[in-house]
């Protein structure tokens, strides 16, 4: 396990730049995760009433002879009611 406080020292400039980049990316990822974890209440709505959306049909079992010819998306459908923050 790497300790972010202890930075490895090398004489290779490419390795040092990669370590700096990885350390910065790790810190950014931790900050983004903490921001989401500290959010109060439900996540903001992705879609709004009366918008039209497409349904991803890749995991639906549809009565087609060939899976290759099955439509990838269905719609557009109009949102008429928000049931929960993730269901419309």
N, C-alpha and C. Protein backbone atom coordinates (compact mmCIF):
# COMPACT_ATOMS: atom_id res chain seq x y z
N UNK A 1 0.84 -1.17 0.00
CA UNK A 1 0.00 0.00 0.00
C UNK A 1 0.89 1.24 0.00
N UNK A 2 0.57 2.18 -0.87
CA UNK A 2 1.37 3.40 -0.96
C UNK A 2 0.89 4.42 0.06
N UNK A 3 1.83 5.08 0.65
CA UNK A 3 1.53 6.17 1.56
C UNK A 3 1.68 7.46 0.78
N UNK A 4 0.61 8.27 0.70
CA UNK A 4 0.66 9.48 -0.12
C UNK A 4 1.59 10.54 0.48
N UNK A 5 1.92 10.42 1.79
CA UNK A 5 2.81 11.39 2.42
C UNK A 5 4.27 11.15 2.03
N UNK A 6 4.60 9.92 1.72
CA UNK A 6 5.97 9.56 1.42
C UNK A 6 6.11 9.38 -0.09
N UNK A 7 6.81 10.29 -0.75
CA UNK A 7 6.94 10.27 -2.20
C UNK A 7 8.27 9.62 -2.56
N UNK A 8 8.23 8.70 -3.52
CA UNK A 8 9.45 8.01 -3.94
C UNK A 8 10.37 8.96 -4.70
N UNK A 9 11.66 8.85 -4.47
CA UNK A 9 12.64 9.68 -5.16
C UNK A 9 13.41 8.82 -6.17
N UNK A 10 13.46 9.26 -7.42
CA UNK A 10 14.22 8.56 -8.46
C UNK A 10 15.00 9.59 -9.25
N UNK A 11 15.88 9.10 -10.12
CA UNK A 11 16.65 9.99 -10.98
C UNK A 11 16.10 10.00 -12.40
N UNK A 12 14.99 9.31 -12.61
CA UNK A 12 14.36 9.23 -13.92
C UNK A 12 13.25 10.27 -13.98
N UNK A 13 13.38 11.23 -14.90
CA UNK A 13 12.41 12.33 -15.00
C UNK A 13 11.02 11.83 -15.38
N UNK A 14 10.94 10.83 -16.26
CA UNK A 14 9.63 10.31 -16.68
C UNK A 14 8.92 9.65 -15.51
N UNK A 15 9.65 8.88 -14.74
CA UNK A 15 9.05 8.22 -13.58
C UNK A 15 8.58 9.25 -12.57
N UNK A 16 9.37 10.27 -12.33
CA UNK A 16 8.98 11.31 -11.38
C UNK A 16 7.73 12.05 -11.84
N UNK A 17 7.64 12.35 -13.14
CA UNK A 17 6.44 13.04 -13.64
C UNK A 17 5.22 12.15 -13.54
N UNK A 18 5.39 10.85 -13.80
CA UNK A 18 4.26 9.92 -13.68
C UNK A 18 3.80 9.81 -12.23
N UNK A 19 4.75 9.77 -11.30
CA UNK A 19 4.39 9.69 -9.88
C UNK A 19 3.63 10.95 -9.47
N UNK A 20 4.09 12.11 -9.92
CA UNK A 20 3.38 13.36 -9.61
C UNK A 20 1.96 13.34 -10.18
N UNK A 21 1.83 12.90 -11.42
CA UNK A 21 0.52 12.84 -12.07
C UNK A 21 -0.40 11.89 -11.32
N UNK A 22 0.12 10.71 -10.98
CA UNK A 22 -0.70 9.72 -10.26
C UNK A 22 -1.11 10.23 -8.88
N UNK A 23 -0.21 10.92 -8.19
CA UNK A 23 -0.53 11.46 -6.87
C UNK A 23 -1.61 12.53 -6.98
N UNK A 24 -1.51 13.40 -7.99
CA UNK A 24 -2.52 14.45 -8.20
C UNK A 24 -3.87 13.84 -8.57
N UNK A 25 -3.86 12.84 -9.47
CA UNK A 25 -5.11 12.19 -9.87
C UNK A 25 -5.77 11.48 -8.70
N UNK A 26 -4.96 10.85 -7.84
CA UNK A 26 -5.50 10.17 -6.67
C UNK A 26 -6.15 11.18 -5.71
N UNK A 27 -5.48 12.31 -5.50
CA UNK A 27 -6.04 13.34 -4.62
C UNK A 27 -7.34 13.90 -5.20
N UNK A 28 -7.39 14.11 -6.53
CA UNK A 28 -8.62 14.60 -7.17
C UNK A 28 -9.76 13.60 -7.04
N UNK A 29 -9.44 12.30 -7.19
CA UNK A 29 -10.46 11.27 -7.07
C UNK A 29 -11.01 11.20 -5.64
N UNK A 30 -10.11 11.29 -4.65
CA UNK A 30 -10.56 11.28 -3.26
C UNK A 30 -11.44 12.48 -2.97
N UNK A 31 -11.07 13.64 -3.49
CA UNK A 31 -11.86 14.86 -3.28
C UNK A 31 -13.25 14.71 -3.92
N UNK A 32 -13.31 14.14 -5.13
CA UNK A 32 -14.61 13.96 -5.80
C UNK A 32 -15.49 12.97 -5.03
N UNK A 33 -14.89 11.88 -4.55
CA UNK A 33 -15.67 10.90 -3.78
C UNK A 33 -16.18 11.50 -2.48
N UNK A 34 -15.35 12.28 -1.81
CA UNK A 34 -15.78 12.92 -0.56
C UNK A 34 -16.88 13.94 -0.81
N UNK A 35 -16.82 14.65 -1.93
CA UNK A 35 -17.85 15.62 -2.26
C UNK A 35 -19.20 14.94 -2.43
N UNK A 36 -19.22 13.81 -3.13
CA UNK A 36 -20.45 13.06 -3.35
C UNK A 36 -20.95 12.45 -2.04
N UNK A 37 -20.02 11.93 -1.23
CA UNK A 37 -20.41 11.29 0.03
C UNK A 37 -20.99 12.30 1.02
N UNK A 38 -20.54 13.54 0.97
CA UNK A 38 -21.01 14.55 1.92
C UNK A 38 -22.24 15.30 1.43
N UNK A 39 -22.78 14.93 0.29
CA UNK A 39 -23.97 15.59 -0.25
C UNK A 39 -25.16 15.32 0.65
N UNK A 40 -25.95 16.32 0.87
CA UNK A 40 -27.17 16.17 1.67
C UNK A 40 -28.36 15.96 0.74
N UNK A 41 -29.22 15.03 1.09
CA UNK A 41 -30.43 14.80 0.33
C UNK A 41 -30.20 13.97 -0.92
N UNK A 42 -31.24 13.81 -1.73
CA UNK A 42 -31.14 13.00 -2.94
C UNK A 42 -30.30 13.71 -4.00
N UNK A 43 -29.77 12.94 -4.95
CA UNK A 43 -29.00 13.57 -6.03
C UNK A 43 -29.90 14.45 -6.90
N UNK A 44 -29.35 15.44 -7.57
CA UNK A 44 -30.18 16.30 -8.42
C UNK A 44 -30.78 15.49 -9.58
N UNK A 45 -31.96 15.90 -9.99
CA UNK A 45 -32.67 15.19 -11.04
C UNK A 45 -31.91 15.29 -12.36
N UNK A 46 -31.78 14.16 -13.02
CA UNK A 46 -31.08 14.13 -14.31
C UNK A 46 -32.03 14.51 -15.44
N UNK A 47 -33.30 14.15 -15.29
CA UNK A 47 -34.30 14.45 -16.30
C UNK A 47 -35.42 15.26 -15.66
N UNK A 48 -36.18 15.95 -16.48
CA UNK A 48 -37.27 16.79 -15.98
C UNK A 48 -38.57 16.41 -16.67
N UNK A 49 -39.69 16.80 -16.07
CA UNK A 49 -41.00 16.49 -16.64
C UNK A 49 -41.13 17.05 -18.05
N UNK A 50 -41.84 16.34 -18.88
CA UNK A 50 -42.14 16.68 -20.27
C UNK A 50 -40.92 16.60 -21.20
N UNK A 51 -39.78 16.12 -20.72
CA UNK A 51 -38.65 15.86 -21.61
C UNK A 51 -38.87 14.53 -22.30
N UNK A 52 -38.24 14.37 -23.43
CA UNK A 52 -38.30 13.09 -24.12
C UNK A 52 -36.98 12.35 -23.93
N UNK A 53 -37.09 11.06 -23.61
CA UNK A 53 -35.91 10.25 -23.34
C UNK A 53 -35.98 8.95 -24.13
N UNK A 54 -34.83 8.31 -24.31
CA UNK A 54 -34.73 7.02 -24.97
C UNK A 54 -34.45 5.96 -23.93
N UNK A 55 -35.04 4.79 -24.06
CA UNK A 55 -34.86 3.67 -23.16
C UNK A 55 -33.80 2.74 -23.73
N UNK A 56 -32.77 2.44 -22.94
CA UNK A 56 -31.74 1.51 -23.37
C UNK A 56 -32.32 0.10 -23.33
N UNK A 57 -32.38 -0.56 -24.47
CA UNK A 57 -33.03 -1.87 -24.57
C UNK A 57 -32.03 -3.01 -24.63
N UNK A 58 -30.77 -2.76 -24.31
CA UNK A 58 -29.76 -3.81 -24.46
C UNK A 58 -29.97 -4.97 -23.49
N UNK A 59 -30.63 -4.74 -22.33
CA UNK A 59 -30.83 -5.81 -21.36
C UNK A 59 -32.27 -6.32 -21.33
N UNK A 60 -33.07 -5.91 -22.28
CA UNK A 60 -34.45 -6.36 -22.35
C UNK A 60 -34.57 -7.57 -23.26
N UNK A 61 -35.41 -8.51 -22.87
CA UNK A 61 -35.68 -9.68 -23.72
C UNK A 61 -36.85 -9.33 -24.63
N UNK A 62 -36.55 -9.07 -25.91
CA UNK A 62 -37.59 -8.71 -26.86
C UNK A 62 -37.77 -9.85 -27.86
N UNK A 63 -39.01 -10.04 -28.36
CA UNK A 63 -39.28 -11.16 -29.26
C UNK A 63 -38.78 -10.89 -30.69
N UNK A 64 -37.48 -11.02 -30.90
CA UNK A 64 -36.89 -10.88 -32.23
C UNK A 64 -36.18 -12.17 -32.58
N UNK A 65 -36.18 -12.50 -33.88
CA UNK A 65 -35.53 -13.74 -34.30
C UNK A 65 -34.02 -13.66 -34.14
N UNK A 66 -33.45 -12.53 -34.43
CA UNK A 66 -32.00 -12.35 -34.35
C UNK A 66 -31.67 -11.25 -33.34
N UNK A 67 -30.78 -11.53 -32.41
CA UNK A 67 -30.38 -10.53 -31.42
C UNK A 67 -29.68 -9.36 -32.10
N UNK A 68 -29.05 -9.65 -33.21
CA UNK A 68 -28.33 -8.60 -33.94
C UNK A 68 -29.28 -7.53 -34.48
N UNK A 69 -30.52 -7.92 -34.79
CA UNK A 69 -31.49 -7.00 -35.36
C UNK A 69 -32.38 -6.34 -34.32
N UNK A 70 -32.21 -6.69 -33.05
CA UNK A 70 -33.00 -6.10 -31.98
C UNK A 70 -32.62 -4.63 -31.82
N UNK A 71 -33.59 -3.74 -31.68
CA UNK A 71 -33.25 -2.32 -31.50
C UNK A 71 -32.45 -2.10 -30.22
N UNK A 72 -31.48 -1.22 -30.29
CA UNK A 72 -30.62 -0.92 -29.14
C UNK A 72 -31.31 0.04 -28.17
N UNK A 73 -32.16 0.91 -28.69
CA UNK A 73 -32.88 1.89 -27.87
C UNK A 73 -34.34 1.93 -28.31
N UNK A 74 -35.21 2.22 -27.36
CA UNK A 74 -36.63 2.36 -27.66
C UNK A 74 -37.07 3.78 -27.31
N UNK A 75 -37.99 4.31 -28.08
CA UNK A 75 -38.47 5.65 -27.74
C UNK A 75 -38.61 6.51 -28.96
N UNK A 76 -38.70 7.79 -28.77
CA UNK A 76 -38.60 8.54 -27.52
C UNK A 76 -39.88 8.46 -26.69
N UNK A 77 -39.70 8.50 -25.37
CA UNK A 77 -40.81 8.50 -24.43
C UNK A 77 -40.83 9.83 -23.70
N UNK A 78 -42.02 10.35 -23.44
CA UNK A 78 -42.15 11.61 -22.71
C UNK A 78 -42.28 11.30 -21.22
N UNK A 79 -41.56 12.02 -20.39
CA UNK A 79 -41.64 11.85 -18.94
C UNK A 79 -42.90 12.57 -18.45
N UNK A 80 -43.80 11.81 -17.84
CA UNK A 80 -45.05 12.38 -17.36
C UNK A 80 -45.11 12.47 -15.84
N UNK A 81 -44.26 11.69 -15.14
CA UNK A 81 -44.29 11.71 -13.68
C UNK A 81 -42.94 11.25 -13.14
N UNK A 82 -42.48 11.90 -12.07
CA UNK A 82 -41.26 11.47 -11.39
C UNK A 82 -41.68 10.65 -10.17
N UNK A 83 -41.30 9.37 -10.17
CA UNK A 83 -41.67 8.48 -9.08
C UNK A 83 -40.67 8.59 -7.92
N UNK A 84 -39.39 8.65 -8.28
CA UNK A 84 -38.31 8.81 -7.29
C UNK A 84 -37.16 9.52 -8.00
N UNK A 85 -36.07 9.85 -7.30
CA UNK A 85 -34.97 10.53 -7.99
C UNK A 85 -34.33 9.74 -9.13
N UNK A 86 -34.55 8.41 -9.14
CA UNK A 86 -33.95 7.60 -10.20
C UNK A 86 -34.98 6.87 -11.06
N UNK A 87 -36.27 7.04 -10.79
CA UNK A 87 -37.32 6.38 -11.57
C UNK A 87 -38.33 7.42 -12.06
N UNK A 88 -38.65 7.31 -13.36
CA UNK A 88 -39.57 8.28 -13.96
C UNK A 88 -40.72 7.57 -14.61
